[in-house]
Protein backbone atom coordinates (compact mmCIF):
# COMPACT_ATOMS: atom_id res chain seq x y z
CA MET A 1 15.05 -63.15 -146.13
CA TYR A 2 14.38 -60.72 -149.42
CA ILE A 3 10.44 -60.71 -149.34
CA SER A 4 9.11 -59.88 -153.33
CA ASN A 5 5.86 -58.86 -152.56
CA PRO A 6 5.36 -55.17 -151.76
CA PRO A 7 4.91 -54.45 -147.95
CA LEU A 8 2.35 -52.63 -146.02
CA PRO A 9 3.60 -48.88 -145.72
CA PRO A 10 5.18 -48.40 -142.37
CA PRO A 11 2.90 -46.44 -139.68
CA SER A 12 3.72 -42.73 -138.65
CA SER A 13 5.62 -41.60 -136.12
CA SER A 14 2.23 -40.36 -134.13
CA SER A 15 0.88 -43.97 -134.81
CA LEU A 16 4.45 -46.05 -133.79
CA SER A 17 4.18 -43.83 -130.22
CA SER A 18 0.51 -44.93 -129.61
CA SER A 19 1.25 -48.68 -130.53
CA LEU A 20 4.69 -48.84 -129.06
CA SER A 21 3.32 -50.95 -126.08
CA PHE A 22 1.25 -53.63 -128.49
CA VAL A 23 3.98 -54.72 -130.93
CA PHE A 24 7.73 -53.26 -129.62
CA VAL A 25 9.85 -55.58 -127.73
CA PHE A 26 13.34 -54.71 -127.40
CA VAL A 27 15.62 -57.27 -125.66
CA PHE A 28 19.34 -56.36 -125.34
CA THR A 29 21.77 -58.78 -123.92
CA ILE A 30 25.13 -58.35 -123.40
CA GLY A 31 25.92 -61.20 -121.47
CA GLN A 32 26.24 -62.30 -118.14
CA SER A 33 26.73 -59.51 -115.49
CA PRO A 34 29.11 -59.93 -112.62
CA PHE A 35 26.22 -60.70 -110.65
CA GLY A 36 25.47 -63.79 -112.57
CA HIS A 37 22.22 -62.49 -114.21
CA SER A 38 21.30 -61.16 -117.60
CA VAL A 39 21.07 -57.60 -118.26
CA GLN A 40 17.92 -56.82 -120.43
CA ASN A 41 16.20 -53.65 -120.96
CA LEU A 42 13.05 -54.19 -122.37
CA VAL A 43 10.76 -51.44 -123.80
CA HIS A 44 6.77 -52.78 -123.21
CA THR A 45 3.78 -52.47 -121.40
CA SER A 46 1.24 -55.14 -119.96
CA LYS A 47 0.02 -56.53 -124.06
CA ARG A 48 2.37 -57.42 -127.00
CA THR A 49 2.15 -59.94 -129.84
CA THR A 50 4.01 -63.14 -130.43
CA THR A 51 6.00 -62.30 -133.87
CA ASN A 52 8.30 -64.46 -136.06
CA ALA A 53 10.98 -62.45 -136.93
CA LEU A 54 12.60 -62.79 -140.29
CA PHE A 55 15.78 -62.91 -138.81
CA TRP A 56 15.23 -66.31 -137.92
CA GLY A 57 14.45 -67.49 -141.74
CA PRO A 58 17.20 -69.37 -143.34
CA ARG A 59 19.57 -67.21 -144.78
CA LYS A 60 17.74 -67.04 -148.81
CA ALA A 61 19.57 -65.55 -151.44
CA VAL A 62 18.63 -61.63 -151.61
CA GLU A 63 18.35 -60.31 -155.24
CA ARG A 64 20.22 -57.39 -155.94
CA PRO A 65 17.75 -54.19 -157.47
CA ASP A 66 18.19 -53.98 -161.02
CA THR A 67 19.18 -49.93 -161.30
CA ASP A 68 21.99 -47.76 -162.35
CA LEU A 69 25.40 -48.65 -160.56
CA SER A 70 26.71 -44.56 -160.55
CA LEU A 71 25.82 -42.57 -157.47
CA GLY A 72 26.45 -39.38 -159.10
CA HIS A 73 29.38 -36.64 -159.12
CA PHE A 74 30.28 -34.50 -156.49
CA THR A 75 32.26 -30.84 -156.53
CA LEU A 76 34.68 -30.29 -154.37
CA THR A 77 34.38 -26.81 -152.85
CA GLY A 78 35.97 -24.84 -149.72
CA SER A 79 39.28 -22.78 -149.05
CA GLY A 80 42.20 -23.70 -147.37
CA SER A 81 43.62 -27.15 -146.73
CA GLU A 82 40.44 -28.57 -147.85
CA GLY A 83 39.70 -26.09 -151.01
CA VAL A 84 39.97 -26.87 -154.61
CA SER A 85 39.94 -24.11 -157.32
CA ALA A 86 40.03 -24.36 -161.04
CA SER A 87 43.88 -23.09 -160.84
CA SER A 88 44.97 -25.55 -158.42
CA GLY A 89 45.47 -28.28 -160.79
CA LYS A 90 43.60 -30.39 -158.15
CA PRO A 91 40.99 -32.59 -159.09
CA GLN A 92 37.30 -30.92 -158.94
CA LYS A 93 35.25 -33.66 -159.79
CA VAL A 94 34.55 -36.35 -158.01
CA SER A 95 32.09 -39.79 -159.26
CA VAL A 96 31.32 -42.31 -157.04
CA SER A 97 29.75 -45.53 -158.37
CA VAL A 98 29.00 -49.50 -156.90
CA VAL A 99 31.08 -52.23 -157.46
CA SER A 100 29.68 -56.13 -157.53
CA SER A 101 33.27 -57.71 -156.11
CA ILE A 102 36.29 -56.39 -155.33
CA SER A 103 37.95 -58.06 -157.67
CA GLU A 104 37.29 -54.77 -160.18
CA VAL A 105 38.94 -52.53 -157.96
CA PRO A 106 42.79 -52.76 -158.24
CA SER A 107 44.30 -54.29 -154.95
CA HIS A 108 46.97 -51.55 -154.89
CA ASP A 109 44.27 -49.30 -155.08
CA TRP A 110 42.27 -50.56 -152.15
CA ASP A 111 45.02 -51.28 -149.76
CA ALA A 112 46.77 -47.56 -150.19
CA CYS A 113 43.06 -46.64 -149.07
CA ASN A 114 43.18 -48.60 -145.81
CA LEU A 115 46.61 -47.84 -145.61
CA ASP A 116 46.38 -44.27 -145.86
CA SER A 117 43.26 -43.93 -143.51
CA THR A 118 45.51 -45.65 -140.71
CA GLY A 119 49.10 -45.16 -140.78
CA PRO A 120 51.60 -48.29 -141.27
CA GLU A 121 51.40 -48.22 -137.35
CA LYS A 122 47.74 -49.34 -137.18
CA PHE A 123 47.37 -51.09 -140.10
CA ASN A 124 44.17 -53.68 -140.39
CA PRO A 125 44.85 -56.45 -142.12
CA PHE A 126 40.79 -57.19 -141.98
CA LEU A 127 40.19 -54.27 -144.60
CA SER A 128 42.53 -55.59 -146.99
CA HIS A 129 42.26 -56.14 -150.39
CA GLY A 130 43.54 -59.89 -149.46
CA PHE A 131 40.84 -60.46 -146.86
CA LEU A 132 38.28 -59.34 -148.70
CA SER A 133 38.65 -60.92 -151.71
CA SER A 134 38.95 -64.15 -150.09
CA LEU A 135 35.86 -64.13 -148.99
CA GLU A 136 34.51 -63.16 -152.34
CA GLU A 137 36.38 -65.42 -154.22
CA SER A 138 35.63 -68.76 -151.60
CA GLY A 139 32.13 -68.14 -151.69
CA SER A 140 31.47 -66.95 -148.18
CA THR A 141 30.54 -63.40 -149.09
CA ALA A 142 27.74 -64.16 -152.21
CA LYS A 143 24.21 -64.05 -153.34
CA GLU A 144 23.57 -67.46 -152.06
CA THR A 145 24.83 -66.52 -149.09
CA GLY A 146 23.25 -63.45 -148.34
CA TRP A 147 25.87 -61.24 -148.70
CA ILE A 148 26.08 -59.47 -151.81
CA PRO A 149 28.92 -56.90 -152.39
CA GLN A 150 28.20 -53.67 -152.96
CA HIS A 151 31.78 -51.87 -152.47
CA ILE A 152 31.59 -47.55 -152.96
CA ILE A 153 34.30 -46.51 -154.76
CA ALA A 154 35.09 -42.72 -154.95
CA GLN A 155 37.08 -41.69 -158.09
CA ASP A 156 38.96 -38.11 -159.22
CA GLU A 157 38.11 -37.21 -162.98
CA HIS A 158 41.23 -38.81 -164.01
CA LYS A 159 40.36 -41.64 -162.65
CA ASN A 160 42.61 -42.08 -159.75
CA ILE A 161 40.53 -43.81 -156.76
CA LEU A 162 40.17 -41.49 -153.47
CA GLY A 163 37.72 -43.54 -151.15
CA VAL A 164 36.55 -46.93 -150.98
CA ALA A 165 33.84 -48.42 -148.41
CA PRO A 166 33.18 -52.47 -148.03
CA LEU A 167 29.47 -52.73 -148.36
CA TYR A 168 26.94 -55.36 -148.88
CA LEU A 169 23.29 -55.90 -149.22
CA LYS A 170 22.02 -58.75 -147.33
CA SER A 171 19.08 -61.07 -146.74
CA HIS A 172 19.75 -61.23 -142.68
CA SER A 173 21.42 -60.33 -139.34
CA TYR A 174 23.99 -63.15 -139.19
CA GLY A 175 27.93 -62.76 -138.97
CA GLU A 176 27.38 -59.31 -137.41
CA TYR A 177 27.78 -59.00 -133.91
CA VAL A 178 25.48 -55.87 -133.72
CA PHE A 179 21.94 -57.72 -132.75
CA ASP A 180 19.21 -55.82 -134.55
CA HIS A 181 16.71 -59.05 -134.15
CA SER A 182 13.94 -57.10 -132.17
CA TRP A 183 13.86 -54.57 -134.87
CA ALA A 184 13.38 -56.90 -137.54
CA ASP A 185 10.76 -58.08 -135.32
CA ALA A 186 8.89 -54.88 -134.97
CA TYR A 187 8.84 -53.99 -138.54
CA TYR A 188 7.56 -57.10 -139.42
CA SER A 189 4.69 -57.06 -136.46
CA TYR A 190 3.66 -53.73 -138.71
CA GLY A 191 3.94 -55.60 -142.28
CA ALA A 192 6.79 -53.82 -143.17
CA ARG A 193 10.25 -55.29 -144.41
CA TYR A 194 13.93 -54.63 -142.42
CA TYR A 195 15.42 -57.16 -145.24
CA PRO A 196 17.36 -56.61 -147.24
CA LYS A 197 19.27 -53.59 -145.62
CA LEU A 198 22.87 -52.52 -146.25
CA GLN A 199 25.48 -53.37 -143.82
CA CYS A 200 29.20 -51.25 -144.25
CA CYS A 201 31.35 -53.68 -142.37
CA VAL A 202 33.81 -56.81 -142.54
CA PRO A 203 31.67 -59.70 -142.93
CA PHE A 204 31.77 -62.29 -139.82
CA THR A 205 34.57 -59.81 -138.12
CA PRO A 206 33.49 -58.02 -134.52
CA VAL A 207 36.92 -55.96 -135.30
CA THR A 208 36.82 -52.17 -134.61
CA GLY A 209 38.30 -50.05 -137.71
CA GLN A 210 38.11 -47.67 -140.50
CA ARG A 211 34.63 -47.88 -142.43
CA VAL A 212 35.52 -45.45 -144.96
CA LEU A 213 38.80 -45.85 -146.65
CA LEU A 214 40.58 -42.46 -148.05
CA ARG A 215 43.83 -41.40 -149.56
CA ASP A 216 45.80 -38.83 -147.92
CA THR A 217 44.61 -36.11 -149.85
CA PRO A 218 43.93 -32.46 -148.75
CA TYR A 219 40.55 -32.87 -149.36
CA LYS A 220 39.67 -36.32 -147.87
CA ASP A 221 37.12 -34.86 -145.57
CA GLN A 222 35.19 -33.96 -148.07
CA VAL A 223 35.50 -37.15 -149.96
CA PHE A 224 34.21 -39.02 -146.68
CA ASP A 225 31.17 -36.91 -146.65
CA ILE A 226 30.98 -37.99 -150.15
CA LEU A 227 31.07 -41.57 -149.36
CA VAL A 228 28.72 -41.17 -146.49
CA THR A 229 26.34 -39.09 -148.51
CA ALA A 230 26.45 -41.91 -151.57
CA MET A 231 25.60 -44.91 -149.16
CA LYS A 232 22.38 -43.12 -148.32
CA ASN A 233 21.55 -42.34 -151.29
CA LEU A 234 21.93 -45.90 -152.32
CA THR A 235 19.66 -47.17 -149.62
CA ASP A 236 16.75 -44.92 -150.63
CA LYS A 237 18.03 -45.63 -154.64
CA PHE A 238 17.48 -49.92 -153.61
CA GLN A 239 14.40 -48.87 -151.41
CA VAL A 240 15.52 -50.66 -148.42
CA SER A 241 15.18 -49.99 -144.62
CA SER A 242 18.15 -48.88 -143.62
CA LEU A 243 21.94 -48.77 -143.86
CA HIS A 244 24.04 -50.07 -140.55
CA VAL A 245 28.09 -49.15 -140.10
CA THR A 246 29.02 -51.66 -137.24
CA PHE A 247 32.51 -51.42 -135.14
CA PRO A 248 33.61 -48.17 -137.36
CA SER A 249 36.59 -46.05 -135.49
CA GLU A 250 35.06 -44.00 -132.75
CA SER A 251 35.79 -40.94 -134.95
CA GLU A 252 34.09 -42.16 -137.50
CA TRP A 253 31.23 -42.79 -135.08
CA HIS A 254 30.94 -39.47 -134.17
CA ARG A 255 30.89 -37.98 -137.60
CA MET A 256 28.29 -39.60 -138.72
CA LYS A 257 26.21 -38.67 -135.72
CA GLU A 258 26.34 -35.11 -137.97
CA LYS A 259 24.77 -37.17 -140.87
CA ASP A 260 21.48 -38.17 -139.37
CA PHE A 261 22.93 -41.67 -137.90
CA LEU A 262 21.50 -43.28 -134.52
CA GLN A 263 24.84 -44.02 -132.59
CA ARG A 264 24.98 -47.29 -130.64
CA ILE A 265 27.65 -48.86 -128.31
CA GLY A 266 28.49 -52.44 -127.14
CA MET A 267 31.37 -53.94 -125.27
CA GLN A 268 34.45 -56.11 -126.52
CA TYR A 269 37.57 -57.41 -124.02
CA HIS A 270 41.10 -56.43 -124.82
CA TRP A 271 44.20 -56.94 -123.46
CA LYS A 272 46.80 -54.12 -123.36
CA ASN A 273 50.15 -54.45 -123.62
CA ARG A 274 52.08 -51.94 -120.38
CA ASN A 275 55.19 -52.16 -122.19
CA TYR A 276 55.84 -55.42 -121.20
CA LYS A 277 59.06 -56.55 -122.84
CA GLU A 278 60.16 -59.65 -124.05
CA MET A 279 63.39 -61.28 -122.47
CA GLY A 280 66.63 -59.74 -124.54
CA GLY A 281 68.13 -56.97 -125.24
CA PRO A 282 72.11 -56.09 -125.11
CA ASN A 283 72.20 -56.61 -121.00
CA PHE A 284 70.44 -59.76 -121.02
CA VAL A 285 72.60 -62.77 -119.51
CA HIS A 286 71.31 -65.74 -121.42
CA SER A 287 70.51 -68.75 -118.89
CA PRO A 288 71.20 -72.53 -120.19
CA ASN A 289 67.65 -72.81 -120.63
CA THR A 290 67.28 -69.80 -123.20
CA MET A 291 65.80 -70.27 -126.46
CA TYR A 292 67.89 -67.87 -128.93
CA ASN A 293 67.76 -69.30 -131.97
CA SER A 294 66.52 -66.94 -134.36
CA LEU A 295 65.96 -63.21 -135.23
CA PHE A 296 62.26 -62.08 -135.15
CA SER A 297 61.31 -58.43 -137.16
CA THR A 298 58.30 -56.39 -136.85
CA ARG A 299 58.07 -52.90 -137.54
CA GLY A 300 60.98 -52.80 -138.77
CA VAL A 301 63.22 -53.95 -136.09
CA VAL A 302 65.01 -57.09 -135.98
CA ARG A 303 65.38 -58.30 -132.59
CA PRO A 304 66.17 -61.51 -130.84
CA SER A 305 63.10 -63.92 -130.04
CA PRO A 306 62.78 -65.70 -127.19
CA PHE A 307 61.36 -68.93 -128.84
CA LYS A 308 62.97 -71.39 -131.69
CA TYR A 309 60.74 -69.83 -134.06
CA GLY A 310 57.25 -71.16 -134.04
CA GLN A 311 57.39 -73.00 -131.12
CA ILE A 312 57.08 -72.31 -127.68
CA GLY A 313 58.62 -75.01 -124.81
CA VAL A 314 55.95 -76.96 -123.25
CA GLY A 315 55.45 -75.24 -119.50
CA TYR A 316 57.84 -72.12 -120.65
CA GLN A 317 56.86 -68.82 -119.25
CA THR A 318 58.90 -65.84 -121.01
CA PHE A 319 59.99 -63.06 -118.11
CA SER A 320 57.74 -60.42 -119.62
CA PHE A 321 54.47 -62.75 -119.37
CA ASP A 322 55.26 -63.08 -115.58
CA GLU A 323 55.52 -59.03 -115.83
CA PHE A 324 51.62 -58.99 -116.74
CA LEU A 325 51.15 -61.63 -114.07
CA MET A 326 52.66 -59.43 -111.40
CA ASP A 327 50.05 -56.79 -112.29
CA MET A 328 46.92 -59.27 -111.74
CA LYS A 329 45.68 -59.95 -107.96
CA GLN A 330 46.97 -62.78 -106.64
CA SER A 331 44.08 -64.97 -106.84
CA LYS A 332 43.83 -64.18 -110.64
CA ARG A 333 47.71 -64.71 -111.01
CA LYS A 334 47.52 -68.20 -109.35
CA ASN A 335 44.49 -69.33 -111.36
CA ILE A 336 46.45 -68.49 -114.64
CA ARG A 337 49.45 -70.23 -113.61
CA GLN A 338 47.58 -73.27 -112.58
CA GLU A 339 45.67 -72.95 -116.15
CA ARG A 340 49.02 -72.67 -117.95
CA LYS A 341 50.35 -76.24 -115.86
CA LYS A 342 47.41 -78.19 -116.93
CA ILE A 343 48.54 -78.07 -120.67
CA SER A 344 52.18 -79.56 -119.62
CA ALA A 345 50.35 -82.21 -117.87
CA GLN A 346 48.14 -83.16 -120.91
CA ASN A 347 51.33 -83.59 -122.98
CA LEU A 348 50.79 -81.06 -125.06
CA THR A 349 52.89 -78.63 -127.12
CA MET A 350 52.14 -75.15 -128.16
CA LYS A 351 53.50 -73.93 -131.21
CA ARG A 352 52.90 -70.52 -132.89
CA LEU A 353 53.30 -70.38 -137.04
CA ARG A 354 53.50 -67.78 -139.23
CA GLY A 355 52.85 -67.05 -142.82
CA TYR A 356 55.32 -69.78 -144.71
CA GLU A 357 55.11 -72.14 -141.54
CA ILE A 358 51.40 -72.27 -142.43
CA LYS A 359 51.14 -75.22 -144.46
CA ALA A 360 48.11 -76.90 -146.67
CA ARG A 361 47.63 -79.68 -144.16
CA HIS A 362 47.20 -76.91 -141.60
CA TRP A 363 44.90 -75.06 -142.49
CA ASP A 364 42.83 -78.66 -144.06
CA ILE A 365 42.90 -79.52 -140.25
CA PHE A 366 41.86 -76.20 -139.07
CA TYR A 367 39.11 -75.79 -140.87
CA LYS A 368 37.85 -79.26 -139.04
CA PHE A 369 38.16 -77.55 -136.38
CA TYR A 370 36.33 -74.58 -137.52
CA ARG A 371 33.66 -76.90 -138.55
CA ASN A 372 33.47 -78.67 -134.95
CA THR A 373 33.05 -75.24 -133.18
CA THR A 374 29.81 -74.02 -135.91
CA ASP A 375 28.35 -77.69 -135.50
CA ASN A 376 28.41 -77.39 -131.83
CA LYS A 377 27.32 -73.44 -131.25
CA TRP A 378 25.83 -72.07 -134.13
CA GLY A 379 24.30 -75.14 -136.13
CA SER A 380 26.40 -73.56 -139.82
CA ALA A 381 29.43 -72.42 -141.13
CA TYR A 382 30.14 -68.86 -142.16
CA LEU A 383 33.62 -69.99 -143.85
CA THR A 384 34.70 -72.36 -146.64
CA ARG A 385 37.48 -74.07 -146.72
CA ASP A 386 38.87 -72.12 -150.12
CA PHE A 387 38.61 -69.28 -147.27
CA PHE A 388 41.28 -70.30 -145.36
CA HIS A 389 43.79 -71.29 -147.68
CA ASP A 390 43.20 -68.06 -150.00
CA MET A 391 43.54 -65.73 -147.03
CA GLY A 392 46.53 -67.57 -145.93
CA SER A 393 48.67 -67.42 -148.94
CA LYS A 394 47.33 -63.61 -149.23
CA LEU A 395 48.15 -62.01 -146.03
CA GLY A 396 50.94 -64.47 -145.39
CA ASP A 397 53.17 -63.10 -142.49
CA ASN A 398 49.99 -61.23 -141.20
CA VAL A 399 48.64 -64.17 -140.04
CA LEU A 400 49.77 -66.64 -136.88
CA LEU A 401 48.11 -69.62 -136.02
CA VAL A 402 48.61 -71.30 -132.65
CA VAL A 403 48.25 -74.69 -132.94
CA ALA A 404 48.26 -77.87 -130.05
CA GLU A 405 49.90 -80.89 -130.53
CA GLU A 406 49.57 -84.11 -128.64
CA GLY A 407 52.43 -86.21 -130.08
CA ASP A 408 52.40 -85.75 -133.45
CA GLU A 409 48.63 -84.91 -133.72
CA LEU A 410 47.18 -81.68 -133.92
CA VAL A 411 44.18 -81.27 -131.99
CA ALA A 412 43.37 -77.85 -131.47
CA GLY A 413 43.98 -74.10 -133.14
CA ALA A 414 43.58 -70.71 -132.64
CA LEU A 415 43.42 -68.06 -135.65
CA ASN A 416 45.19 -64.59 -135.15
CA LEU A 417 45.68 -61.99 -137.76
CA ILE A 418 48.56 -59.39 -137.19
CA GLY A 419 48.15 -55.69 -137.46
CA GLY A 420 50.08 -52.79 -137.32
CA ASP A 421 49.81 -52.29 -133.48
CA THR A 422 47.04 -55.25 -132.77
CA LEU A 423 47.07 -59.33 -132.51
CA PHE A 424 43.18 -59.73 -133.62
CA GLY A 425 42.36 -63.30 -132.12
CA ARG A 426 39.70 -64.78 -134.71
CA ILE A 427 38.66 -68.43 -134.75
CA TRP A 428 39.19 -71.47 -131.95
CA GLY A 429 38.33 -75.00 -132.57
CA CYS A 430 39.66 -78.55 -131.43
CA LEU A 431 38.98 -81.95 -132.89
CA PRO A 432 35.52 -83.33 -132.63
CA ARG A 433 34.70 -85.39 -128.94
CA VAL A 434 37.76 -84.44 -127.05
CA TYR A 435 38.37 -82.19 -124.34
CA TYR A 436 41.78 -80.98 -122.83
CA PRO A 437 41.07 -78.82 -119.42
CA SER A 438 42.35 -75.25 -119.88
CA LEU A 439 43.03 -75.63 -123.17
CA HIS A 440 41.08 -73.24 -124.82
CA PHE A 441 42.56 -70.36 -122.75
CA GLU A 442 45.94 -71.49 -123.05
CA ALA A 443 45.62 -71.27 -127.18
CA CYS A 444 43.16 -68.50 -127.93
CA TYR A 445 44.50 -65.90 -124.79
CA TYR A 446 47.84 -66.61 -123.04
CA GLN A 447 49.46 -67.24 -126.33
CA ALA A 448 48.18 -64.53 -127.81
CA ILE A 449 49.39 -62.36 -125.06
CA GLU A 450 52.74 -63.77 -125.37
CA ALA A 451 52.69 -63.22 -128.85
CA ALA A 452 51.57 -59.54 -128.70
CA ILE A 453 55.07 -58.94 -126.22
CA GLU A 454 57.10 -60.59 -128.65
CA LEU A 455 55.57 -58.98 -131.68
CA ASN A 456 55.80 -55.20 -129.73
CA LEU A 457 52.21 -54.72 -130.06
CA ASP A 458 50.29 -52.43 -128.23
CA LYS A 459 46.98 -54.93 -127.39
CA VAL A 460 45.41 -57.92 -128.07
CA GLU A 461 41.59 -58.05 -129.25
CA ALA A 462 39.59 -61.65 -128.55
CA GLY A 463 36.41 -61.19 -130.28
CA ALA A 464 33.32 -60.63 -129.08
CA GLN A 465 31.33 -61.36 -125.96
CA GLY A 466 32.93 -63.45 -123.08
CA GLU A 467 33.28 -62.45 -119.41
CA HIS A 468 35.26 -65.39 -118.51
CA LYS A 469 38.31 -62.97 -120.33
CA ILE A 470 38.09 -60.53 -117.50
CA GLN A 471 39.90 -62.65 -115.11
CA ARG A 472 42.67 -63.53 -117.94
CA GLY A 473 43.31 -59.66 -117.80
CA TYR A 474 41.31 -58.84 -121.00
CA MET A 475 39.27 -55.74 -119.76
CA PRO A 476 35.91 -54.20 -121.00
CA VAL A 477 36.00 -51.57 -123.87
CA THR A 478 33.55 -49.81 -125.76
CA THR A 479 32.67 -50.69 -129.72
CA TYR A 480 30.40 -48.78 -131.92
CA SER A 481 27.53 -49.01 -134.77
CA CYS A 482 25.52 -46.06 -136.47
CA HIS A 483 22.45 -46.94 -138.11
CA TYR A 484 20.30 -45.06 -140.65
CA ILE A 485 17.07 -46.01 -140.32
CA VAL A 486 14.89 -44.51 -143.38
CA ASN A 487 11.51 -44.29 -141.90
CA GLU A 488 11.13 -41.46 -139.57
CA GLY A 489 8.68 -43.45 -137.08
CA PHE A 490 10.91 -46.50 -136.43
CA ARG A 491 13.80 -44.39 -136.62
CA LYS A 492 12.44 -41.97 -133.53
CA ILE A 493 11.48 -45.08 -131.46
CA LEU A 494 14.88 -46.83 -132.03
CA GLU A 495 16.80 -43.57 -131.07
CA ASP A 496 14.48 -43.72 -127.71
CA PHE A 497 15.65 -47.59 -127.07
CA LEU A 498 19.30 -46.54 -127.81
CA VAL A 499 19.34 -44.03 -124.72
CA ARG A 500 18.30 -46.42 -122.48
CA GLU A 501 20.40 -49.11 -123.97
CA THR A 502 23.64 -46.81 -124.14
CA ALA A 503 23.24 -45.70 -120.13
CA GLN A 504 23.31 -49.75 -119.46
CA VAL A 505 26.22 -50.46 -121.41
CA LYS A 506 28.22 -47.79 -120.08
CA HIS A 507 26.79 -48.87 -116.59
CA VAL A 508 28.01 -52.50 -116.75
CA ILE A 509 31.54 -51.12 -118.44
CA LYS A 510 31.77 -49.58 -115.23
CA LEU A 511 30.64 -52.40 -112.63
CA LEU A 512 33.06 -54.52 -114.76
CA HIS A 513 35.93 -52.03 -114.37
CA ASP A 514 35.80 -52.15 -110.67
CA SER A 515 35.33 -55.34 -110.47
CA GLY A 516 38.51 -56.08 -112.82
CA PRO A 517 41.55 -58.56 -111.68
CA PHE A 518 44.39 -56.27 -111.39
CA LYS A 519 45.90 -54.63 -108.42
CA ASP A 520 44.82 -51.39 -107.26
CA GLY A 521 47.78 -49.65 -109.21
CA ALA A 522 47.47 -51.32 -112.41
CA GLN A 523 43.71 -50.86 -112.30
CA ARG A 524 44.04 -47.32 -112.41
CA ASP A 525 46.26 -47.97 -115.16
CA CYS A 526 43.81 -49.91 -117.04
CA GLU A 527 41.26 -47.02 -116.72
CA GLY A 528 43.36 -44.21 -117.21
CA GLY A 529 45.81 -45.18 -119.68
CA TRP A 530 48.68 -47.56 -119.37
CA ARG A 531 52.11 -46.21 -117.22
CA LYS A 532 55.28 -47.21 -118.80
CA LYS A 533 57.16 -49.75 -116.96
CA GLY A 534 59.51 -48.33 -114.65
CA GLU A 535 57.88 -45.05 -114.27
CA GLU A 536 57.57 -44.52 -110.58
CA GLU A 537 59.12 -48.21 -110.17
CA GLU A 538 61.92 -48.47 -107.67
CA GLU A 539 64.86 -51.20 -107.66
CA GLU A 540 63.48 -53.36 -104.92
CA ASP A 541 60.05 -53.38 -106.77
CA VAL A 542 61.50 -55.27 -109.81
CA ILE A 543 63.43 -57.65 -107.25
CA ALA A 544 60.22 -58.41 -105.64
CA ARG A 545 58.89 -59.61 -108.61
CA CYS A 546 61.57 -61.67 -109.30
CA GLY A 547 61.05 -63.14 -105.42
CA ASP A 548 57.54 -63.78 -105.79
CA HIS A 549 57.69 -67.26 -107.46
CA ASN A 550 61.47 -67.90 -107.54
CA CYS A 551 62.32 -67.58 -111.20
CA GLU A 552 65.76 -68.01 -112.13
CA VAL A 553 65.03 -66.57 -115.55
CA GLU A 554 63.72 -63.22 -113.87
CA LYS A 555 66.92 -63.26 -111.18
CA VAL A 556 69.46 -63.42 -114.00
CA ALA A 557 67.80 -60.40 -116.01
CA VAL A 558 67.89 -58.55 -113.02
CA VAL A 559 71.55 -58.97 -112.21
CA ALA A 560 72.33 -58.14 -115.38
CA GLY A 561 70.86 -54.57 -115.44
CA ARG A 562 67.24 -55.16 -117.34
CA ASP A 563 65.16 -52.60 -117.69
């Protein structure tokens, strides 16, 4: 909510310290602990006031301040690989500006920055021009929704784009997944305003990735510093409370500490591929029930797929998924198998659709699934129907839609995006007023694992929160955010809070790892780096894997000398 009336001046640092007990109540909840209790960190004393946080107000439009779109000119300096001299022929000046729509930036320039920032092997589809423009063109990120695009662009004197940063002026804290509700409460309690604020992020997407996207030039480190400085300058120019960079890469997180950003960590659950192999290869002996009717290409390598393209046989498990299961403790392995059997028992068929296989009718029904989820869970939807159609068209084969069919009817679906080394699980939904036991786990987690193995991807990121993911092989990992707080008094209080919160998060991550679902050896691999399959593993160990559940396909593979 944007407050048009002039706010009361924020208190001094000393006044904040003396008044902490009266108004500051910070609550950090990271879900249920292994012991079934919420983990909370409260900073308080015996007395506190009751306040109504601005966060809980309606998502009203925020007006963009009427100000110059230029953020100034900067000179590239230094020596060596970062150095720029007048005689070098390299650009010497960098100009930084704000654009109110990503459509003002050519898609090839934006995507070149995105690709150069990570390399193709770690391509992040959420930071592509196609994804972000789909949000804007569909009305999902707009003035009316409290997300005003304010993207930062760095150009040299020849108008070549050297770097970009996705940035939004926001009137609320919805759709961020790094929670600052109590921060808004604290500001409001003192008569100061927390909103509007600036947010450098991918809207509605808790996915770690580069936030400052740079062309691969010898002076990219200087351009990074220039862009971060420009965002801070814009914070002051707009006279907003703060600038937040959510889900940056770990390296960016460390670098921004040097730029006076507060550091914060969080937690997600990811599945990691310990070099599990799909069925196939030159030594594989085909069994009668193996489906090899197409080729699948990923990372430039064409190899056999164990599935008829887009379809998974009911109740059919691949050798590689069973390899993953054999790394689990017996009770967890048994539970997963029982959950998967329920799918075929309910006459459900799972399909994985990619790119051109996803038709307009799929997006229309999936939007109904999405609205059913948002109506039941959050009460309002962030994304429009047009977004799904636009995004699917622009991202093509980077989109993977898992659907469940009962007969000829689609009854549920899970949306995933495919990156360079990661499968990103994002949205799940089903038809209203229906319930299929274990279907959520199958569509969101087990199908994602099978797809990641098939695509030779390193990991699956299954979105924010959810300790139920742990027993299904998704382990806690650390996420990052950076926060530039303009007022020094509030900054000091938040800094003290974050020290306590960080210790709490690290403690919970350790507890969850210590009680993880993997066998001891695999658990150590999970914590200290994934060993490759075959390392320190004798032939009889592989045979033991086959004998564990009498899998004929596995036995054929072992006889054939499968790795």
